[in-house]
Amino acid sequence: MEAIVHPRQRRKEARPAELMAAALELFVEKGFAGTRLDDVAARAGVSKGTLYLYFDSKEALFKAVIQEGIVPILEQGAGLIDGFKGSAAELLRALIGEWWQRIGNTPLAGVPKLMISEAGNFPELAVYYHDTVIVRGRDLIRRTLQRGIAAGEFRVVDVETAIDVIFAPVLMLVIWRYSLGACCGVSHDPRLYLQTHLDLAVNGLSAAKERI
């Protein structure tokens, strides 16, 4: 016989996720400095005391958003590389496509702009984000480029610089969305933007171009 789960029990189990979702919304809307724990609790529909049952500070809440929202996606990206059977170009497209679907096209897309604007005021959080997200994300692109170079598919490039050049336009897409795009009514078609960017990147990396 299945155990009966009362609504209150289900609600309690759901609270951490609801609190993190509320915190993410407010961090993106108001910035880290401008977000108060009272506001997070109110947005999630719980008391501040309830919030403290799960998170003892705003910093802990931010880190939970990153750990629960972004880190699993990066881990899945590493798994994608490990099991991928196609070309390095196809892998690069798959990684960027997954990033867009799982982060860029979700509320998590506001985090990069948040970190850029708040890094100087909260250096410890910036270091945490760098070590937890940026370092892992760069490693995914690094492994893909090294794979293509080793196979003779990509020409030899400075990999660390290429990582920045490849990801900068993707980062700009989400920064624009949460800055000028939000107030000026000017937006990009993400599908066309990413397709164009990846066509340019893959053709620029192609070892075949060196023989032309």
C-alpha atoms as a PDB file:
ATOM      1  CA  MET A   1       0.000   0.000   0.000  1.00  0.00           C
ATOM      2  CA  GLU A   2       1.411   3.408  -0.952  1.00  0.00           C
ATOM      3  CA  ALA A   3       2.051   5.918   1.787  1.00  0.00           C
ATOM      4  CA  ILE A   4      -0.253   8.933   1.806  1.00  0.00           C
ATOM      5  CA  VAL A   5       1.612  12.169   1.150  1.00  0.00           C
ATOM      6  CA  HIS A   6      -0.233  15.103   2.625  1.00  0.00           C
ATOM      7  CA  PRO A   7      -0.315  18.436   0.761  1.00  0.00           C
ATOM      8  CA  ARG A   8       1.658  20.119   3.553  1.00  0.00           C
ATOM      9  CA  GLN A   9       4.448  17.564   3.180  1.00  0.00           C
ATOM     10  CA  ARG A  10       4.620  18.107  -0.546  1.00  0.00           C
ATOM     11  CA  ARG A  11       4.704  21.853   0.017  1.00  0.00           C
ATOM     12  CA  LYS A  12       7.610  21.565   2.463  1.00  0.00           C
ATOM     13  CA  GLU A  13       9.633  19.456   0.056  1.00  0.00           C
ATOM     14  CA  ALA A  14       8.992  21.958  -2.729  1.00  0.00           C
ATOM     15  CA  ARG A  15      10.093  25.003  -0.742  1.00  0.00           C
ATOM     16  CA  PRO A  16      13.840  24.989  -1.494  1.00  0.00           C
ATOM     17  CA  ALA A  17      13.158  24.903  -5.245  1.00  0.00           C
ATOM     18  CA  GLU A  18      10.524  27.629  -4.928  1.00  0.00           C
ATOM     19  CA  LEU A  19      12.872  29.783  -2.883  1.00  0.00           C
ATOM     20  CA  MET A  20      15.665  29.382  -5.412  1.00  0.00           C
ATOM     21  CA  ALA A  21      13.307  30.241  -8.276  1.00  0.00           C
ATOM     22  CA  ALA A  22      12.120  33.349  -6.432  1.00  0.00           C
ATOM     23  CA  ALA A  23      15.687  34.348  -5.611  1.00  0.00           C
ATOM     24  CA  LEU A  24      16.780  33.958  -9.235  1.00  0.00           C
ATOM     25  CA  GLU A  25      13.932  36.186 -10.422  1.00  0.00           C
ATOM     26  CA  LEU A  26      14.810  38.885  -7.910  1.00  0.00           C
ATOM     27  CA  PHE A  27      18.566  38.681  -8.444  1.00  0.00           C
ATOM     28  CA  VAL A  28      17.995  39.270 -12.160  1.00  0.00           C
ATOM     29  CA  GLU A  29      15.396  42.009 -11.608  1.00  0.00           C
ATOM     30  CA  LYS A  30      17.062  43.941  -8.779  1.00  0.00           C
ATOM     31  CA  GLY A  31      20.662  42.743  -8.669  1.00  0.00           C
ATOM     32  CA  PHE A  32      22.289  40.922  -5.798  1.00  0.00           C
ATOM     33  CA  ALA A  33      22.706  44.016  -3.641  1.00  0.00           C
ATOM     34  CA  GLY A  34      19.130  45.135  -4.227  1.00  0.00           C
ATOM     35  CA  THR A  35      17.564  41.798  -3.302  1.00  0.00           C
ATOM     36  CA  ARG A  36      16.499  41.281   0.308  1.00  0.00           C
ATOM     37  CA  LEU A  37      15.714  37.954   1.897  1.00  0.00           C
ATOM     38  CA  ASP A  38      12.341  39.395   2.910  1.00  0.00           C
ATOM     39  CA  ASP A  39      11.599  39.947  -0.774  1.00  0.00           C
ATOM     40  CA  VAL A  40      12.614  36.387  -1.663  1.00  0.00           C
ATOM     41  CA  ALA A  41      10.382  34.938   1.044  1.00  0.00           C
ATOM     42  CA  ALA A  42       7.458  37.104  -0.072  1.00  0.00           C
ATOM     43  CA  ARG A  43       7.946  36.179  -3.734  1.00  0.00           C
ATOM     44  CA  ALA A  44       8.003  32.486  -2.785  1.00  0.00           C
ATOM     45  CA  GLY A  45       4.957  32.866  -0.535  1.00  0.00           C
ATOM     46  CA  VAL A  46       6.662  31.800   2.695  1.00  0.00           C
ATOM     47  CA  SER A  47       7.798  33.527   5.873  1.00  0.00           C
ATOM     48  CA  LYS A  48      11.347  34.751   6.330  1.00  0.00           C
ATOM     49  CA  GLY A  49      11.689  32.225   9.140  1.00  0.00           C
ATOM     50  CA  THR A  50      10.852  29.437   6.720  1.00  0.00           C
ATOM     51  CA  LEU A  51      13.492  30.699   4.315  1.00  0.00           C
ATOM     52  CA  TYR A  52      16.108  30.497   7.078  1.00  0.00           C
ATOM     53  CA  LEU A  53      15.264  26.834   7.592  1.00  0.00           C
ATOM     54  CA  TYR A  54      16.914  26.186   4.234  1.00  0.00           C
ATOM     55  CA  PHE A  55      19.321  29.074   3.607  1.00  0.00           C
ATOM     56  CA  ASP A  56      21.188  31.018   6.266  1.00  0.00           C
ATOM     57  CA  SER A  57      22.202  33.932   4.030  1.00  0.00           C
ATOM     58  CA  LYS A  58      21.662  35.567   0.662  1.00  0.00           C
ATOM     59  CA  GLU A  59      25.072  34.280  -0.409  1.00  0.00           C
ATOM     60  CA  ALA A  60      24.044  30.701   0.406  1.00  0.00           C
ATOM     61  CA  LEU A  61      20.871  31.185  -1.615  1.00  0.00           C
ATOM     62  CA  PHE A  62      22.832  32.451  -4.617  1.00  0.00           C
ATOM     63  CA  LYS A  63      25.240  29.530  -4.444  1.00  0.00           C
ATOM     64  CA  ALA A  64      22.301  27.123  -4.279  1.00  0.00           C
ATOM     65  CA  VAL A  65      20.854  28.670  -7.440  1.00  0.00           C
ATOM     66  CA  ILE A  66      24.157  28.007  -9.206  1.00  0.00           C
ATOM     67  CA  GLN A  67      24.660  24.516  -7.786  1.00  0.00           C
ATOM     68  CA  GLU A  68      21.139  23.330  -8.510  1.00  0.00           C
ATOM     69  CA  GLY A  69      20.492  25.258 -11.707  1.00  0.00           C
ATOM     70  CA  ILE A  70      23.740  25.471 -13.684  1.00  0.00           C
ATOM     71  CA  VAL A  71      26.229  22.897 -12.378  1.00  0.00           C
ATOM     72  CA  PRO A  72      24.134  19.849 -13.402  1.00  0.00           C
ATOM     73  CA  ILE A  73      23.945  21.221 -16.953  1.00  0.00           C
ATOM     74  CA  LEU A  74      27.721  21.577 -17.101  1.00  0.00           C
ATOM     75  CA  GLU A  75      28.112  18.040 -15.799  1.00  0.00           C
ATOM     76  CA  GLN A  76      25.774  16.799 -18.504  1.00  0.00           C
ATOM     77  CA  GLY A  77      27.855  18.701 -21.046  1.00  0.00           C
ATOM     78  CA  ALA A  78      30.928  16.786 -19.905  1.00  0.00           C
ATOM     79  CA  GLY A  79      28.979  13.558 -20.331  1.00  0.00           C
ATOM     80  CA  LEU A  80      27.939  14.618 -23.817  1.00  0.00           C
ATOM     81  CA  ILE A  81      31.584  15.071 -24.811  1.00  0.00           C
ATOM     82  CA  ASP A  82      32.578  11.705 -23.357  1.00  0.00           C
ATOM     83  CA  GLY A  83      29.971   9.817 -25.355  1.00  0.00           C
ATOM     84  CA  PHE A  84      29.844  11.893 -28.546  1.00  0.00           C
ATOM     85  CA  LYS A  85      30.570   9.977 -31.763  1.00  0.00           C
ATOM     86  CA  GLY A  86      30.311  12.760 -34.334  1.00  0.00           C
ATOM     87  CA  SER A  87      32.735  15.396 -35.543  1.00  0.00           C
ATOM     88  CA  ALA A  88      34.159  18.161 -33.374  1.00  0.00           C
ATOM     89  CA  ALA A  89      32.130  20.693 -35.347  1.00  0.00           C
ATOM     90  CA  GLU A  90      28.943  18.781 -34.595  1.00  0.00           C
ATOM     91  CA  LEU A  91      29.963  18.552 -30.951  1.00  0.00           C
ATOM     92  CA  LEU A  92      30.549  22.303 -30.746  1.00  0.00           C
ATOM     93  CA  ARG A  93      27.109  22.952 -32.220  1.00  0.00           C
ATOM     94  CA  ALA A  94      25.555  20.463 -29.798  1.00  0.00           C
ATOM     95  CA  LEU A  95      27.214  22.044 -26.760  1.00  0.00           C
ATOM     96  CA  ILE A  96      26.180  25.587 -27.676  1.00  0.00           C
ATOM     97  CA  GLY A  97      22.704  24.377 -28.581  1.00  0.00           C
ATOM     98  CA  GLU A  98      22.306  22.611 -25.238  1.00  0.00           C
ATOM     99  CA  TRP A  99      23.606  25.668 -23.404  1.00  0.00           C
ATOM    100  CA  TRP A 100      21.008  27.814 -25.103  1.00  0.00           C
ATOM    101  CA  GLN A 101      18.124  25.437 -24.449  1.00  0.00           C
ATOM    102  CA  ARG A 102      19.034  24.743 -20.818  1.00  0.00           C
ATOM    103  CA  ILE A 103      20.400  28.147 -19.752  1.00  0.00           C
ATOM    104  CA  GLY A 104      20.205  30.853 -22.410  1.00  0.00           C
ATOM    105  CA  ASN A 105      16.507  30.347 -23.070  1.00  0.00           C
ATOM    106  CA  THR A 106      15.590  30.156 -19.373  1.00  0.00           C
ATOM    107  CA  PRO A 107      15.627  32.549 -16.388  1.00  0.00           C
ATOM    108  CA  LEU A 108      19.180  31.342 -15.699  1.00  0.00           C
ATOM    109  CA  ALA A 109      20.247  33.474 -18.668  1.00  0.00           C
ATOM    110  CA  GLY A 110      20.130  36.509 -16.380  1.00  0.00           C
ATOM    111  CA  VAL A 111      22.978  35.209 -14.231  1.00  0.00           C
ATOM    112  CA  PRO A 112      25.882  36.226 -16.543  1.00  0.00           C
ATOM    113  CA  LYS A 113      24.725  39.856 -16.644  1.00  0.00           C
ATOM    114  CA  LEU A 114      24.161  39.746 -12.884  1.00  0.00           C
ATOM    115  CA  MET A 115      27.726  38.595 -12.299  1.00  0.00           C
ATOM    116  CA  ILE A 116      29.226  41.148 -14.680  1.00  0.00           C
ATOM    117  CA  SER A 117      27.400  43.995 -12.952  1.00  0.00           C
ATOM    118  CA  GLU A 118      27.958  42.781  -9.373  1.00  0.00           C
ATOM    119  CA  ALA A 119      31.436  41.244  -9.519  1.00  0.00           C
ATOM    120  CA  GLY A 120      33.213  44.354  -8.277  1.00  0.00           C
ATOM    121  CA  ASN A 121      30.884  44.722  -5.300  1.00  0.00           C
ATOM    122  CA  PHE A 122      30.873  41.032  -4.353  1.00  0.00           C
ATOM    123  CA  PRO A 123      34.281  39.623  -5.312  1.00  0.00           C
ATOM    124  CA  GLU A 124      33.837  36.453  -3.262  1.00  0.00           C
ATOM    125  CA  LEU A 125      30.692  35.558  -5.185  1.00  0.00           C
ATOM    126  CA  ALA A 126      32.471  36.418  -8.439  1.00  0.00           C
ATOM    127  CA  VAL A 127      35.307  34.026  -7.567  1.00  0.00           C
ATOM    128  CA  TYR A 128      32.773  31.348  -6.655  1.00  0.00           C
ATOM    129  CA  TYR A 129      30.951  31.801  -9.974  1.00  0.00           C
ATOM    130  CA  HIS A 130      34.214  31.787 -11.905  1.00  0.00           C
ATOM    131  CA  ASP A 131      35.483  28.606 -10.281  1.00  0.00           C
ATOM    132  CA  THR A 132      32.136  26.804 -10.351  1.00  0.00           C
ATOM    133  CA  VAL A 133      30.747  27.831 -13.733  1.00  0.00           C
ATOM    134  CA  ILE A 134      33.234  29.603 -15.975  1.00  0.00           C
ATOM    135  CA  VAL A 135      36.135  27.213 -15.398  1.00  0.00           C
ATOM    136  CA  ARG A 136      33.918  24.198 -16.137  1.00  0.00           C
ATOM    137  CA  GLY A 137      32.294  25.814 -19.150  1.00  0.00           C
ATOM    138  CA  ARG A 138      35.659  26.749 -20.632  1.00  0.00           C
ATOM    139  CA  ASP A 139      36.830  23.186 -20.172  1.00  0.00           C
ATOM    140  CA  LEU A 140      33.945  21.909 -22.301  1.00  0.00           C
ATOM    141  CA  ILE A 141      34.909  24.173 -25.195  1.00  0.00           C
ATOM    142  CA  ARG A 142      38.618  23.444 -24.646  1.00  0.00           C
ATOM    143  CA  ARG A 143      38.091  19.703 -24.903  1.00  0.00           C
ATOM    144  CA  THR A 144      36.031  20.151 -28.057  1.00  0.00           C
ATOM    145  CA  LEU A 145      38.660  22.315 -29.748  1.00  0.00           C
ATOM    146  CA  GLN A 146      41.501  20.013 -28.727  1.00  0.00           C
ATOM    147  CA  ARG A 147      39.545  17.064 -30.073  1.00  0.00           C
ATOM    148  CA  GLY A 148      39.085  18.782 -33.429  1.00  0.00           C
ATOM    149  CA  ILE A 149      42.724  19.839 -33.652  1.00  0.00           C
ATOM    150  CA  ALA A 150      43.988  16.361 -32.736  1.00  0.00           C
ATOM    151  CA  ALA A 151      41.771  14.824 -35.433  1.00  0.00           C
ATOM    152  CA  GLY A 152      42.996  17.276 -38.070  1.00  0.00           C
ATOM    153  CA  GLU A 153      39.472  18.650 -38.419  1.00  0.00           C
ATOM    154  CA  PHE A 154      40.306  22.050 -36.896  1.00  0.00           C
ATOM    155  CA  ARG A 155      43.392  24.050 -37.699  1.00  0.00           C
ATOM    156  CA  VAL A 156      45.860  24.767 -34.926  1.00  0.00           C
ATOM    157  CA  VAL A 157      44.779  27.843 -32.958  1.00  0.00           C
ATOM    158  CA  ASP A 158      45.499  29.328 -29.563  1.00  0.00           C
ATOM    159  CA  VAL A 159      42.845  27.335 -27.719  1.00  0.00           C
ATOM    160  CA  GLU A 160      42.455  29.616 -24.703  1.00  0.00           C
ATOM    161  CA  THR A 161      41.891  32.654 -26.908  1.00  0.00           C
ATOM    162  CA  ALA A 162      39.570  30.710 -29.200  1.00  0.00           C
ATOM    163  CA  ILE A 163      37.405  29.743 -26.223  1.00  0.00           C
ATOM    164  CA  ASP A 164      36.787  33.426 -25.461  1.00  0.00           C
ATOM    165  CA  VAL A 165      36.163  34.310 -29.099  1.00  0.00           C
ATOM    166  CA  ILE A 166      33.667  31.472 -29.558  1.00  0.00           C
ATOM    167  CA  PHE A 167      31.685  32.130 -26.418  1.00  0.00           C
ATOM    168  CA  ALA A 168      31.729  35.945 -26.405  1.00  0.00           C
ATOM    169  CA  PRO A 169      28.908  36.321 -28.996  1.00  0.00           C
ATOM    170  CA  VAL A 170      26.794  33.775 -27.101  1.00  0.00           C
ATOM    171  CA  LEU A 171      27.318  35.708 -23.888  1.00  0.00           C
ATOM    172  CA  MET A 172      26.436  38.934 -25.677  1.00  0.00           C
ATOM    173  CA  LEU A 173      23.137  37.431 -26.809  1.00  0.00           C
ATOM    174  CA  VAL A 174      21.929  36.946 -23.235  1.00  0.00           C
ATOM    175  CA  ILE A 175      23.435  40.198 -21.937  1.00  0.00           C
ATOM    176  CA  TRP A 176      21.571  42.099 -24.649  1.00  0.00           C
ATOM    177  CA  ARG A 177      18.361  40.317 -23.698  1.00  0.00           C
ATOM    178  CA  TYR A 178      18.602  41.552 -20.094  1.00  0.00           C
ATOM    179  CA  SER A 179      19.902  45.045 -20.885  1.00  0.00           C
ATOM    180  CA  LEU A 180      19.199  47.079 -24.025  1.00  0.00           C
ATOM    181  CA  GLY A 181      16.933  44.422 -25.455  1.00  0.00           C
ATOM    182  CA  ALA A 182      14.648  44.676 -22.428  1.00  0.00           C
ATOM    183  CA  CYS A 183      14.057  48.401 -22.777  1.00  0.00           C
ATOM    184  CA  CYS A 184      14.668  49.343 -26.409  1.00  0.00           C
ATOM    185  CA  GLY A 185      12.460  46.807 -28.121  1.00  0.00           C
ATOM    186  CA  VAL A 186      15.354  45.495 -30.195  1.00  0.00           C
ATOM    187  CA  SER A 187      15.884  41.761 -30.078  1.00  0.00           C
ATOM    188  CA  HIS A 188      17.618  39.002 -32.031  1.00  0.00           C
ATOM    189  CA  ASP A 189      16.201  35.764 -33.351  1.00  0.00           C
ATOM    190  CA  PRO A 190      18.230  33.374 -31.132  1.00  0.00           C
ATOM    191  CA  ARG A 191      18.041  30.497 -33.611  1.00  0.00           C
ATOM    192  CA  LEU A 192      19.315  32.591 -36.532  1.00  0.00           C
ATOM    193  CA  TYR A 193      21.890  34.375 -34.358  1.00  0.00           C
ATOM    194  CA  LEU A 194      23.420  31.150 -33.029  1.00  0.00           C
ATOM    195  CA  GLN A 195      23.281  29.416 -36.402  1.00  0.00           C
ATOM    196  CA  THR A 196      25.116  32.343 -38.031  1.00  0.00           C
ATOM    197  CA  HIS A 197      27.681  32.527 -35.239  1.00  0.00           C
ATOM    198  CA  LEU A 198      28.415  28.797 -35.333  1.00  0.00           C
ATOM    199  CA  ASP A 199      28.652  28.761 -39.131  1.00  0.00           C
ATOM    200  CA  LEU A 200      31.276  31.492 -38.923  1.00  0.00           C
ATOM    201  CA  ALA A 201      33.111  29.813 -36.038  1.00  0.00           C
ATOM    202  CA  VAL A 202      33.180  26.331 -37.553  1.00  0.00           C
ATOM    203  CA  ASN A 203      34.282  27.604 -40.964  1.00  0.00           C
ATOM    204  CA  GLY A 204      36.969  29.705 -39.314  1.00  0.00           C
ATOM    205  CA  LEU A 205      38.253  26.701 -37.400  1.00  0.00           C
ATOM    206  CA  SER A 206      38.174  24.297 -40.336  1.00  0.00           C
ATOM    207  CA  ALA A 207      41.591  22.894 -41.234  1.00  0.00           C
ATOM    208  CA  ALA A 208      40.404  22.640 -44.826  1.00  0.00           C
ATOM    209  CA  LYS A 209      40.526  26.433 -45.071  1.00  0.00           C
ATOM    210  CA  GLU A 210      44.291  26.334 -44.702  1.00  0.00           C
ATOM    211  CA  ARG A 211      44.584  24.368 -47.915  1.00  0.00           C
ATOM    212  CA  ILE A 212      42.601  26.808 -50.033  1.00  0.00           C
END
